[in-house]
Amino acid sequence: RSIIERRHQQLQRALWLNPVAFGLMT
């Protein structure tokens, strides 16, 4: 549960962070 919670939080951040990061790098 500790690891899954951490991964879940990472995925929640990735929902908005990845498009912003990859958009800027593009």
mmCIF file of all heavy atoms, coordinates in Angstrom:
data_MODEL
# 
_entry.id   MODEL 
# 
loop_
_atom_site.group_PDB 
_atom_site.id 
_atom_site.type_symbol 
_atom_site.label_atom_id 
_atom_site.label_alt_id 
_atom_site.label_comp_id 
_atom_site.label_asym_id 
_atom_site.label_entity_id 
_atom_site.label_seq_id 
_atom_site.pdbx_PDB_ins_code 
_atom_site.Cartn_x 
_atom_site.Cartn_y 
_atom_site.Cartn_z 
_atom_site.occupancy 
_atom_site.B_iso_or_equiv 
_atom_site.pdbx_formal_charge 
_atom_site.auth_seq_id 
_atom_site.auth_comp_id 
_atom_site.auth_asym_id 
_atom_site.auth_atom_id 
_atom_site.pdbx_PDB_model_num 
ATOM 1   N N   . ARG A 1 1  ? 0.826  -1.205 0.000   1.00 0.00 ? 1  ARG A N   1 
ATOM 2   C CA  . ARG A 1 1  ? 0.000  0.000  0.000   1.00 0.00 ? 1  ARG A CA  1 
ATOM 3   C C   . ARG A 1 1  ? 0.862  1.257  0.000   1.00 0.00 ? 1  ARG A C   1 
ATOM 4   O O   . ARG A 1 1  ? 0.536  2.250  -0.652  1.00 0.00 ? 1  ARG A O   1 
ATOM 5   C CB  . ARG A 1 1  ? -0.943 0.014  1.200   1.00 0.00 ? 1  ARG A CB  1 
ATOM 6   C CG  . ARG A 1 1  ? -1.930 1.173  1.124   1.00 0.00 ? 1  ARG A CG  1 
ATOM 7   C CD  . ARG A 1 1  ? -3.049 1.054  2.106   1.00 0.00 ? 1  ARG A CD  1 
ATOM 8   N NE  . ARG A 1 1  ? -4.048 2.081  1.854   1.00 0.00 ? 1  ARG A NE  1 
ATOM 9   C CZ  . ARG A 1 1  ? -5.074 2.321  2.632   1.00 0.00 ? 1  ARG A CZ  1 
ATOM 10  N NH1 . ARG A 1 1  ? -5.255 1.612  3.716   1.00 0.00 ? 1  ARG A NH1 1 
ATOM 11  N NH2 . ARG A 1 1  ? -5.932 3.278  2.335   1.00 0.00 ? 1  ARG A NH2 1 
ATOM 12  N N   . SER A 1 2  ? 1.983  1.227  0.712   1.00 0.00 ? 2  SER A N   1 
ATOM 13  C CA  . SER A 1 2  ? 2.879  2.377  0.728   1.00 0.00 ? 2  SER A CA  1 
ATOM 14  C C   . SER A 1 2  ? 3.394  2.683  -0.668  1.00 0.00 ? 2  SER A C   1 
ATOM 15  O O   . SER A 1 2  ? 3.404  3.846  -1.104  1.00 0.00 ? 2  SER A O   1 
ATOM 16  C CB  . SER A 1 2  ? 4.046  2.107  1.677   1.00 0.00 ? 2  SER A CB  1 
ATOM 17  O OG  . SER A 1 2  ? 4.998  3.151  1.612   1.00 0.00 ? 2  SER A OG  1 
ATOM 18  N N   . ILE A 1 3  ? 3.796  1.654  -1.389  1.00 0.00 ? 3  ILE A N   1 
ATOM 19  C CA  . ILE A 1 3  ? 4.333  1.856  -2.740  1.00 0.00 ? 3  ILE A CA  1 
ATOM 20  C C   . ILE A 1 3  ? 3.235  2.237  -3.716  1.00 0.00 ? 3  ILE A C   1 
ATOM 21  O O   . ILE A 1 3  ? 3.413  3.122  -4.566  1.00 0.00 ? 3  ILE A O   1 
ATOM 22  C CB  . ILE A 1 3  ? 5.062  0.578  -3.202  1.00 0.00 ? 3  ILE A CB  1 
ATOM 23  C CG1 . ILE A 1 3  ? 6.266  0.327  -2.298  1.00 0.00 ? 3  ILE A CG1 1 
ATOM 24  C CG2 . ILE A 1 3  ? 5.488  0.692  -4.654  1.00 0.00 ? 3  ILE A CG2 1 
ATOM 25  C CD1 . ILE A 1 3  ? 6.962  -0.983 -2.561  1.00 0.00 ? 3  ILE A CD1 1 
ATOM 26  N N   . ILE A 1 4  ? 2.078  1.585  -3.605  1.00 0.00 ? 4  ILE A N   1 
ATOM 27  C CA  . ILE A 1 4  ? 0.967  1.896  -4.514  1.00 0.00 ? 4  ILE A CA  1 
ATOM 28  C C   . ILE A 1 4  ? 0.480  3.319  -4.296  1.00 0.00 ? 4  ILE A C   1 
ATOM 29  O O   . ILE A 1 4  ? 0.155  4.034  -5.256  1.00 0.00 ? 4  ILE A O   1 
ATOM 30  C CB  . ILE A 1 4  ? -0.194 0.898  -4.311  1.00 0.00 ? 4  ILE A CB  1 
ATOM 31  C CG1 . ILE A 1 4  ? 0.252  -0.525 -4.681  1.00 0.00 ? 4  ILE A CG1 1 
ATOM 32  C CG2 . ILE A 1 4  ? -1.403 1.316  -5.131  1.00 0.00 ? 4  ILE A CG2 1 
ATOM 33  C CD1 . ILE A 1 4  ? 0.655  -0.693 -6.127  1.00 0.00 ? 4  ILE A CD1 1 
ATOM 34  N N   . GLU A 1 5  ? 0.432  3.769  -3.051  1.00 0.00 ? 5  GLU A N   1 
ATOM 35  C CA  . GLU A 1 5  ? 0.018  5.147  -2.770  1.00 0.00 ? 5  GLU A CA  1 
ATOM 36  C C   . GLU A 1 5  ? 0.984  6.141  -3.412  1.00 0.00 ? 5  GLU A C   1 
ATOM 37  O O   . GLU A 1 5  ? 0.571  7.147  -3.994  1.00 0.00 ? 5  GLU A O   1 
ATOM 38  C CB  . GLU A 1 5  ? -0.037 5.374  -1.256  1.00 0.00 ? 5  GLU A CB  1 
ATOM 39  C CG  . GLU A 1 5  ? -1.183 4.689  -0.546  1.00 0.00 ? 5  GLU A CG  1 
ATOM 40  C CD  . GLU A 1 5  ? -2.533 5.254  -0.937  1.00 0.00 ? 5  GLU A CD  1 
ATOM 41  O OE1 . GLU A 1 5  ? -2.587 6.417  -1.394  1.00 0.00 ? 5  GLU A OE1 1 
ATOM 42  O OE2 . GLU A 1 5  ? -3.530 4.532  -0.794  1.00 0.00 ? 5  GLU A OE2 1 
ATOM 43  N N   . ARG A 1 6  ? 2.281  5.841  -3.282  1.00 0.00 ? 6  ARG A N   1 
ATOM 44  C CA  . ARG A 1 6  ? 3.276  6.727  -3.882  1.00 0.00 ? 6  ARG A CA  1 
ATOM 45  C C   . ARG A 1 6  ? 3.120  6.768  -5.396  1.00 0.00 ? 6  ARG A C   1 
ATOM 46  O O   . ARG A 1 6  ? 3.186  7.832  -6.023  1.00 0.00 ? 6  ARG A O   1 
ATOM 47  C CB  . ARG A 1 6  ? 4.681  6.237  -3.516  1.00 0.00 ? 6  ARG A CB  1 
ATOM 48  C CG  . ARG A 1 6  ? 5.801  7.184  -3.916  1.00 0.00 ? 6  ARG A CG  1 
ATOM 49  C CD  . ARG A 1 6  ? 7.142  6.566  -3.620  1.00 0.00 ? 6  ARG A CD  1 
ATOM 50  N NE  . ARG A 1 6  ? 7.199  6.068  -2.257  1.00 0.00 ? 6  ARG A NE  1 
ATOM 51  C CZ  . ARG A 1 6  ? 7.999  5.087  -1.867  1.00 0.00 ? 6  ARG A CZ  1 
ATOM 52  N NH1 . ARG A 1 6  ? 8.789  4.487  -2.736  1.00 0.00 ? 6  ARG A NH1 1 
ATOM 53  N NH2 . ARG A 1 6  ? 8.012  4.703  -0.607  1.00 0.00 ? 6  ARG A NH2 1 
ATOM 54  N N   . ARG A 1 7  ? 2.907  5.604  -6.004  1.00 0.00 ? 7  ARG A N   1 
ATOM 55  C CA  . ARG A 1 7  ? 2.731  5.547  -7.453  1.00 0.00 ? 7  ARG A CA  1 
ATOM 56  C C   . ARG A 1 7  ? 1.454  6.259  -7.882  1.00 0.00 ? 7  ARG A C   1 
ATOM 57  O O   . ARG A 1 7  ? 1.431  6.947  -8.910  1.00 0.00 ? 7  ARG A O   1 
ATOM 58  C CB  . ARG A 1 7  ? 2.688  4.077  -7.894  1.00 0.00 ? 7  ARG A CB  1 
ATOM 59  C CG  . ARG A 1 7  ? 2.471  3.877  -9.388  1.00 0.00 ? 7  ARG A CG  1 
ATOM 60  C CD  . ARG A 1 7  ? 3.534  4.545  -10.207 1.00 0.00 ? 7  ARG A CD  1 
ATOM 61  N NE  . ARG A 1 7  ? 3.352  4.318  -11.626 1.00 0.00 ? 7  ARG A NE  1 
ATOM 62  C CZ  . ARG A 1 7  ? 3.931  5.035  -12.572 1.00 0.00 ? 7  ARG A CZ  1 
ATOM 63  N NH1 . ARG A 1 7  ? 4.731  6.045  -12.256 1.00 0.00 ? 7  ARG A NH1 1 
ATOM 64  N NH2 . ARG A 1 7  ? 3.714  4.771  -13.836 1.00 0.00 ? 7  ARG A NH2 1 
ATOM 65  N N   . HIS A 1 8  ? 0.399  6.115  -7.101  1.00 0.00 ? 8  HIS A N   1 
ATOM 66  C CA  . HIS A 1 8  ? -0.865 6.774  -7.415  1.00 0.00 ? 8  HIS A CA  1 
ATOM 67  C C   . HIS A 1 8  ? -0.699 8.295  -7.405  1.00 0.00 ? 8  HIS A C   1 
ATOM 68  O O   . HIS A 1 8  ? -1.208 8.994  -8.285  1.00 0.00 ? 8  HIS A O   1 
ATOM 69  C CB  . HIS A 1 8  ? -1.936 6.345  -6.406  1.00 0.00 ? 8  HIS A CB  1 
ATOM 70  C CG  . HIS A 1 8  ? -3.326 6.758  -6.778  1.00 0.00 ? 8  HIS A CG  1 
ATOM 71  N ND1 . HIS A 1 8  ? -4.066 6.115  -7.735  1.00 0.00 ? 8  HIS A ND1 1 
ATOM 72  C CD2 . HIS A 1 8  ? -4.107 7.777  -6.325  1.00 0.00 ? 8  HIS A CD2 1 
ATOM 73  C CE1 . HIS A 1 8  ? -5.247 6.700  -7.851  1.00 0.00 ? 8  HIS A CE1 1 
ATOM 74  N NE2 . HIS A 1 8  ? -5.294 7.701  -7.012  1.00 0.00 ? 8  HIS A NE2 1 
ATOM 75  N N   . GLN A 1 9  ? 0.021  8.793  -6.430  1.00 0.00 ? 9  GLN A N   1 
ATOM 76  C CA  . GLN A 1 9  ? 0.277  10.235 -6.362  1.00 0.00 ? 9  GLN A CA  1 
ATOM 77  C C   . GLN A 1 9  ? 1.125  10.707 -7.537  1.00 0.00 ? 9  GLN A C   1 
ATOM 78  O O   . GLN A 1 9  ? 0.893  11.794 -8.090  1.00 0.00 ? 9  GLN A O   1 
ATOM 79  C CB  . GLN A 1 9  ? 0.956  10.579 -5.041  1.00 0.00 ? 9  GLN A CB  1 
ATOM 80  C CG  . GLN A 1 9  ? 0.068  10.383 -3.819  1.00 0.00 ? 9  GLN A CG  1 
ATOM 81  C CD  . GLN A 1 9  ? 0.836  10.512 -2.520  1.00 0.00 ? 9  GLN A CD  1 
ATOM 82  O OE1 . GLN A 1 9  ? 2.015  10.831 -2.512  1.00 0.00 ? 9  GLN A OE1 1 
ATOM 83  N NE2 . GLN A 1 9  ? 0.172  10.243 -1.405  1.00 0.00 ? 9  GLN A NE2 1 
ATOM 84  N N   . GLN A 1 10 ? 2.101  9.895  -7.937  1.00 0.00 ? 10 GLN A N   1 
ATOM 85  C CA  . GLN A 1 10 ? 2.921  10.240 -9.100  1.00 0.00 ? 10 GLN A CA  1 
ATOM 86  C C   . GLN A 1 10 ? 2.064  10.319 -10.358 1.00 0.00 ? 10 GLN A C   1 
ATOM 87  O O   . GLN A 1 10 ? 2.247  11.226 -11.188 1.00 0.00 ? 10 GLN A O   1 
ATOM 88  C CB  . GLN A 1 10 ? 4.031  9.210  -9.280  1.00 0.00 ? 10 GLN A CB  1 
ATOM 89  C CG  . GLN A 1 10 ? 5.086  9.238  -8.196  1.00 0.00 ? 10 GLN A CG  1 
ATOM 90  C CD  . GLN A 1 10 ? 6.050  8.064  -8.296  1.00 0.00 ? 10 GLN A CD  1 
ATOM 91  O OE1 . GLN A 1 10 ? 5.821  7.113  -9.042  1.00 0.00 ? 10 GLN A OE1 1 
ATOM 92  N NE2 . GLN A 1 10 ? 7.131  8.117  -7.532  1.00 0.00 ? 10 GLN A NE2 1 
ATOM 93  N N   . LEU A 1 11 ? 1.144  9.387  -10.513 1.00 0.00 ? 11 LEU A N   1 
ATOM 94  C CA  . LEU A 1 11 ? 0.272  9.388  -11.687 1.00 0.00 ? 11 LEU A CA  1 
ATOM 95  C C   . LEU A 1 11 ? -0.662 10.591 -11.683 1.00 0.00 ? 11 LEU A C   1 
ATOM 96  O O   . LEU A 1 11 ? -0.953 11.167 -12.745 1.00 0.00 ? 11 LEU A O   1 
ATOM 97  C CB  . LEU A 1 11 ? -0.539 8.092  -11.737 1.00 0.00 ? 11 LEU A CB  1 
ATOM 98  C CG  . LEU A 1 11 ? 0.251  6.826  -12.096 1.00 0.00 ? 11 LEU A CG  1 
ATOM 99  C CD1 . LEU A 1 11 ? -0.601 5.585  -11.853 1.00 0.00 ? 11 LEU A CD1 1 
ATOM 100 C CD2 . LEU A 1 11 ? 0.710  6.879  -13.550 1.00 0.00 ? 11 LEU A CD2 1 
ATOM 101 N N   . GLN A 1 12 ? -1.138 10.975 -10.507 1.00 0.00 ? 12 GLN A N   1 
ATOM 102 C CA  . GLN A 1 12 ? -1.995 12.158 -10.428 1.00 0.00 ? 12 GLN A CA  1 
ATOM 103 C C   . GLN A 1 12 ? -1.251 13.415 -10.853 1.00 0.00 ? 12 GLN A C   1 
ATOM 104 O O   . GLN A 1 12 ? -1.808 14.273 -11.553 1.00 0.00 ? 12 GLN A O   1 
ATOM 105 C CB  . GLN A 1 12 ? -2.528 12.312 -8.999  1.00 0.00 ? 12 GLN A CB  1 
ATOM 106 C CG  . GLN A 1 12 ? -3.602 11.317 -8.625  1.00 0.00 ? 12 GLN A CG  1 
ATOM 107 C CD  . GLN A 1 12 ? -4.107 11.508 -7.213  1.00 0.00 ? 12 GLN A CD  1 
ATOM 108 O OE1 . GLN A 1 12 ? -3.331 11.769 -6.290  1.00 0.00 ? 12 GLN A OE1 1 
ATOM 109 N NE2 . GLN A 1 12 ? -5.406 11.383 -7.025  1.00 0.00 ? 12 GLN A NE2 1 
ATOM 110 N N   . ARG A 1 13 ? 0.018  13.531 -10.447 1.00 0.00 ? 13 ARG A N   1 
ATOM 111 C CA  . ARG A 1 13 ? 0.828  14.673 -10.891 1.00 0.00 ? 13 ARG A CA  1 
ATOM 112 C C   . ARG A 1 13 ? 1.113  14.598 -12.388 1.00 0.00 ? 13 ARG A C   1 
ATOM 113 O O   . ARG A 1 13 ? 1.121  15.624 -13.083 1.00 0.00 ? 13 ARG A O   1 
ATOM 114 C CB  . ARG A 1 13 ? 2.135  14.729 -10.109 1.00 0.00 ? 13 ARG A CB  1 
ATOM 115 C CG  . ARG A 1 13 ? 1.986  15.158 -8.666  1.00 0.00 ? 13 ARG A CG  1 
ATOM 116 C CD  . ARG A 1 13 ? 3.335  15.499 -8.057  1.00 0.00 ? 13 ARG A CD  1 
ATOM 117 N NE  . ARG A 1 13 ? 4.221  14.350 -8.016  1.00 0.00 ? 13 ARG A NE  1 
ATOM 118 C CZ  . ARG A 1 13 ? 4.306  13.528 -6.984  1.00 0.00 ? 13 ARG A CZ  1 
ATOM 119 N NH1 . ARG A 1 13 ? 3.550  13.718 -5.898  1.00 0.00 ? 13 ARG A NH1 1 
ATOM 120 N NH2 . ARG A 1 13 ? 5.144  12.503 -7.003  1.00 0.00 ? 13 ARG A NH2 1 
ATOM 121 N N   . ALA A 1 14 ? 1.336  13.369 -12.867 1.00 0.00 ? 14 ALA A N   1 
ATOM 122 C CA  . ALA A 1 14 ? 1.669  13.194 -14.283 1.00 0.00 ? 14 ALA A CA  1 
ATOM 123 C C   . ALA A 1 14 ? 0.527  13.595 -15.205 1.00 0.00 ? 14 ALA A C   1 
ATOM 124 O O   . ALA A 1 14 ? 0.761  13.954 -16.366 1.00 0.00 ? 14 ALA A O   1 
ATOM 125 C CB  . ALA A 1 14 ? 2.062  11.743 -14.555 1.00 0.00 ? 14 ALA A CB  1 
ATOM 126 N N   . LEU A 1 15 ? -0.711 13.554 -14.706 1.00 0.00 ? 15 LEU A N   1 
ATOM 127 C CA  . LEU A 1 15 ? -1.853 13.937 -15.528 1.00 0.00 ? 15 LEU A CA  1 
ATOM 128 C C   . LEU A 1 15 ? -1.695 15.341 -16.097 1.00 0.00 ? 15 LEU A C   1 
ATOM 129 O O   . LEU A 1 15 ? -2.040 15.603 -17.250 1.00 0.00 ? 15 LEU A O   1 
ATOM 130 C CB  . LEU A 1 15 ? -3.150 13.851 -14.708 1.00 0.00 ? 15 LEU A CB  1 
ATOM 131 C CG  . LEU A 1 15 ? -3.832 12.489 -14.601 1.00 0.00 ? 15 LEU A CG  1 
ATOM 132 C CD1 . LEU A 1 15 ? -5.054 12.591 -13.703 1.00 0.00 ? 15 LEU A CD1 1 
ATOM 133 C CD2 . LEU A 1 15 ? -4.228 11.967 -15.982 1.00 0.00 ? 15 LEU A CD2 1 
ATOM 134 N N   . TRP A 1 16 ? -1.163 16.263 -15.304 1.00 0.00 ? 16 TRP A N   1 
ATOM 135 C CA  . TRP A 1 16 ? -0.979 17.631 -15.801 1.00 0.00 ? 16 TRP A CA  1 
ATOM 136 C C   . TRP A 1 16 ? 0.483  17.975 -16.058 1.00 0.00 ? 16 TRP A C   1 
ATOM 137 O O   . TRP A 1 16 ? 0.799  18.778 -16.943 1.00 0.00 ? 16 TRP A O   1 
ATOM 138 C CB  . TRP A 1 16 ? -1.558 18.640 -14.798 1.00 0.00 ? 16 TRP A CB  1 
ATOM 139 C CG  . TRP A 1 16 ? -0.872 18.636 -13.459 1.00 0.00 ? 16 TRP A CG  1 
ATOM 140 C CD1 . TRP A 1 16 ? -1.190 17.905 -12.359 1.00 0.00 ? 16 TRP A CD1 1 
ATOM 141 C CD2 . TRP A 1 16 ? 0.288  19.411 -13.088 1.00 0.00 ? 16 TRP A CD2 1 
ATOM 142 N NE1 . TRP A 1 16 ? -0.316 18.162 -11.329 1.00 0.00 ? 16 TRP A NE1 1 
ATOM 143 C CE2 . TRP A 1 16 ? 0.594  19.081 -11.747 1.00 0.00 ? 16 TRP A CE2 1 
ATOM 144 C CE3 . TRP A 1 16 ? 1.074  20.339 -13.763 1.00 0.00 ? 16 TRP A CE3 1 
ATOM 145 C CZ2 . TRP A 1 16 ? 1.668  19.664 -11.067 1.00 0.00 ? 16 TRP A CZ2 1 
ATOM 146 C CZ3 . TRP A 1 16 ? 2.145  20.920 -13.085 1.00 0.00 ? 16 TRP A CZ3 1 
ATOM 147 C CH2 . TRP A 1 16 ? 2.429  20.586 -11.758 1.00 0.00 ? 16 TRP A CH2 1 
ATOM 148 N N   . LEU A 1 17 ? 1.398  17.336 -15.306 1.00 0.00 ? 17 LEU A N   1 
ATOM 149 C CA  . LEU A 1 17 ? 2.804  17.688 -15.436 1.00 0.00 ? 17 LEU A CA  1 
ATOM 150 C C   . LEU A 1 17 ? 3.407  17.195 -16.752 1.00 0.00 ? 17 LEU A C   1 
ATOM 151 O O   . LEU A 1 17 ? 4.159  17.939 -17.413 1.00 0.00 ? 17 LEU A O   1 
ATOM 152 C CB  . LEU A 1 17 ? 3.589  17.117 -14.256 1.00 0.00 ? 17 LEU A CB  1 
ATOM 153 C CG  . LEU A 1 17 ? 5.089  17.481 -14.201 1.00 0.00 ? 17 LEU A CG  1 
ATOM 154 C CD1 . LEU A 1 17 ? 5.263  18.987 -14.141 1.00 0.00 ? 17 LEU A CD1 1 
ATOM 155 C CD2 . LEU A 1 17 ? 5.737  16.817 -12.988 1.00 0.00 ? 17 LEU A CD2 1 
ATOM 156 N N   . ASN A 1 18 ? 3.101  15.962 -17.150 1.00 0.00 ? 18 ASN A N   1 
ATOM 157 C CA  . ASN A 1 18 ? 3.672  15.428 -18.381 1.00 0.00 ? 18 ASN A CA  1 
ATOM 158 C C   . ASN A 1 18 ? 3.282  16.229 -19.620 1.00 0.00 ? 18 ASN A C   1 
ATOM 159 O O   . ASN A 1 18 ? 4.153  16.560 -20.435 1.00 0.00 ? 18 ASN A O   1 
ATOM 160 C CB  . ASN A 1 18 ? 3.274  13.963 -18.557 1.00 0.00 ? 18 ASN A CB  1 
ATOM 161 C CG  . ASN A 1 18 ? 4.050  13.045 -17.639 1.00 0.00 ? 18 ASN A CG  1 
ATOM 162 O OD1 . ASN A 1 18 ? 4.911  13.483 -16.890 1.00 0.00 ? 18 ASN A OD1 1 
ATOM 163 N ND2 . ASN A 1 18 ? 3.739  11.764 -17.678 1.00 0.00 ? 18 ASN A ND2 1 
ATOM 164 N N   . PRO A 1 19 ? 1.997  16.557 -19.812 1.00 0.00 ? 19 PRO A N   1 
ATOM 165 C CA  . PRO A 1 19 ? 1.662  17.377 -20.980 1.00 0.00 ? 19 PRO A CA  1 
ATOM 166 C C   . PRO A 1 19 ? 2.368  18.734 -20.977 1.00 0.00 ? 19 PRO A C   1 
ATOM 167 O O   . PRO A 1 19 ? 2.817  19.206 -22.030 1.00 0.00 ? 19 PRO A O   1 
ATOM 168 C CB  . PRO A 1 19 ? 0.139  17.548 -20.862 1.00 0.00 ? 19 PRO A CB  1 
ATOM 169 C CG  . PRO A 1 19 ? -0.314 16.359 -20.094 1.00 0.00 ? 19 PRO A CG  1 
ATOM 170 C CD  . PRO A 1 19 ? 0.777  16.087 -19.109 1.00 0.00 ? 19 PRO A CD  1 
ATOM 171 N N   . VAL A 1 20 ? 2.485  19.357 -19.802 1.00 0.00 ? 20 VAL A N   1 
ATOM 172 C CA  . VAL A 1 20 ? 3.172  20.648 -19.729 1.00 0.00 ? 20 VAL A CA  1 
ATOM 173 C C   . VAL A 1 20 ? 4.645  20.488 -20.068 1.00 0.00 ? 20 VAL A C   1 
ATOM 174 O O   . VAL A 1 20 ? 5.207  21.249 -20.877 1.00 0.00 ? 20 VAL A O   1 
ATOM 175 C CB  . VAL A 1 20 ? 3.004  21.266 -18.322 1.00 0.00 ? 20 VAL A CB  1 
ATOM 176 C CG1 . VAL A 1 20 ? 3.903  22.498 -18.174 1.00 0.00 ? 20 VAL A CG1 1 
ATOM 177 C CG2 . VAL A 1 20 ? 1.555  21.649 -18.079 1.00 0.00 ? 20 VAL A CG2 1 
ATOM 178 N N   . ALA A 1 21 ? 5.295  19.484 -19.473 1.00 0.00 ? 21 ALA A N   1 
ATOM 179 C CA  . ALA A 1 21 ? 6.733  19.290 -19.688 1.00 0.00 ? 21 ALA A CA  1 
ATOM 180 C C   . ALA A 1 21 ? 7.029  18.934 -21.148 1.00 0.00 ? 21 ALA A C   1 
ATOM 181 O O   . ALA A 1 21 ? 7.905  19.551 -21.781 1.00 0.00 ? 21 ALA A O   1 
ATOM 182 C CB  . ALA A 1 21 ? 7.258  18.198 -18.763 1.00 0.00 ? 21 ALA A CB  1 
ATOM 183 N N   . PHE A 1 22 ? 6.311  17.963 -21.692 1.00 0.00 ? 22 PHE A N   1 
ATOM 184 C CA  . PHE A 1 22 ? 6.571  17.558 -23.073 1.00 0.00 ? 22 PHE A CA  1 
ATOM 185 C C   . PHE A 1 22 ? 6.164  18.652 -24.063 1.00 0.00 ? 22 PHE A C   1 
ATOM 186 O O   . PHE A 1 22 ? 6.793  18.805 -25.108 1.00 0.00 ? 22 PHE A O   1 
ATOM 187 C CB  . PHE A 1 22 ? 5.835  16.258 -23.395 1.00 0.00 ? 22 PHE A CB  1 
ATOM 188 C CG  . PHE A 1 22 ? 6.442  15.050 -22.741 1.00 0.00 ? 22 PHE A CG  1 
ATOM 189 C CD1 . PHE A 1 22 ? 5.674  14.194 -21.969 1.00 0.00 ? 22 PHE A CD1 1 
ATOM 190 C CD2 . PHE A 1 22 ? 7.792  14.770 -22.887 1.00 0.00 ? 22 PHE A CD2 1 
ATOM 191 C CE1 . PHE A 1 22 ? 6.230  13.086 -21.355 1.00 0.00 ? 22 PHE A CE1 1 
ATOM 192 C CE2 . PHE A 1 22 ? 8.366  13.656 -22.276 1.00 0.00 ? 22 PHE A CE2 1 
ATOM 193 C CZ  . PHE A 1 22 ? 7.581  12.815 -21.517 1.00 0.00 ? 22 PHE A CZ  1 
ATOM 194 N N   . GLY A 1 23 ? 5.129  19.417 -23.724 1.00 0.00 ? 23 GLY A N   1 
ATOM 195 C CA  . GLY A 1 23 ? 4.748  20.534 -24.580 1.00 0.00 ? 23 GLY A CA  1 
ATOM 196 C C   . GLY A 1 23 ? 5.830  21.594 -24.636 1.00 0.00 ? 23 GLY A C   1 
ATOM 197 O O   . GLY A 1 23 ? 6.173  22.098 -25.716 1.00 0.00 ? 23 GLY A O   1 
ATOM 198 N N   . LEU A 1 24 ? 6.397  21.934 -23.477 1.00 0.00 ? 24 LEU A N   1 
ATOM 199 C CA  . LEU A 1 24 ? 7.474  22.931 -23.442 1.00 0.00 ? 24 LEU A CA  1 
ATOM 200 C C   . LEU A 1 24 ? 8.714  22.424 -24.172 1.00 0.00 ? 24 LEU A C   1 
ATOM 201 O O   . LEU A 1 24 ? 9.363  23.184 -24.915 1.00 0.00 ? 24 LEU A O   1 
ATOM 202 C CB  . LEU A 1 24 ? 7.819  23.270 -21.991 1.00 0.00 ? 24 LEU A CB  1 
ATOM 203 C CG  . LEU A 1 24 ? 6.772  24.077 -21.221 1.00 0.00 ? 24 LEU A CG  1 
ATOM 204 C CD1 . LEU A 1 24 ? 7.192  24.257 -19.765 1.00 0.00 ? 24 LEU A CD1 1 
ATOM 205 C CD2 . LEU A 1 24 ? 6.553  25.442 -21.876 1.00 0.00 ? 24 LEU A CD2 1 
ATOM 206 N N   . MET A 1 25 ? 9.065  21.138 -23.957 1.00 0.00 ? 25 MET A N   1 
ATOM 207 C CA  . MET A 1 25 ? 10.243 20.590 -24.631 1.00 0.00 ? 25 MET A CA  1 
ATOM 208 C C   . MET A 1 25 ? 10.039 20.547 -26.148 1.00 0.00 ? 25 MET A C   1 
ATOM 209 O O   . MET A 1 25 ? 10.993 20.730 -26.919 1.00 0.00 ? 25 MET A O   1 
ATOM 210 C CB  . MET A 1 25 ? 10.555 19.204 -24.081 1.00 0.00 ? 25 MET A CB  1 
ATOM 211 C CG  . MET A 1 25 ? 11.158 19.240 -22.683 1.00 0.00 ? 25 MET A CG  1 
ATOM 212 S SD  . MET A 1 25 ? 11.741 17.636 -22.097 1.00 0.00 ? 25 MET A SD  1 
ATOM 213 C CE  . MET A 1 25 ? 10.185 16.851 -21.686 1.00 0.00 ? 25 MET A CE  1 
ATOM 214 N N   . THR A 1 26 ? 8.812  20.323 -26.588 1.00 0.00 ? 26 THR A N   1 
ATOM 215 C CA  . THR A 1 26 ? 8.531  20.355 -28.026 1.00 0.00 ? 26 THR A CA  1 
ATOM 216 C C   . THR A 1 26 ? 8.761  21.740 -28.594 1.00 0.00 ? 26 THR A C   1 
ATOM 217 O O   . THR A 1 26 ? 9.368  21.902 -29.663 1.00 0.00 ? 26 THR A O   1 
ATOM 218 C CB  . THR A 1 26 ? 7.080  19.916 -28.286 1.00 0.00 ? 26 THR A CB  1 
ATOM 219 O OG1 . THR A 1 26 ? 6.884  18.585 -27.798 1.00 0.00 ? 26 THR A OG1 1 
ATOM 220 C CG2 . THR A 1 26 ? 6.767  19.956 -29.770 1.00 0.00 ? 26 THR A CG2 1 
# 
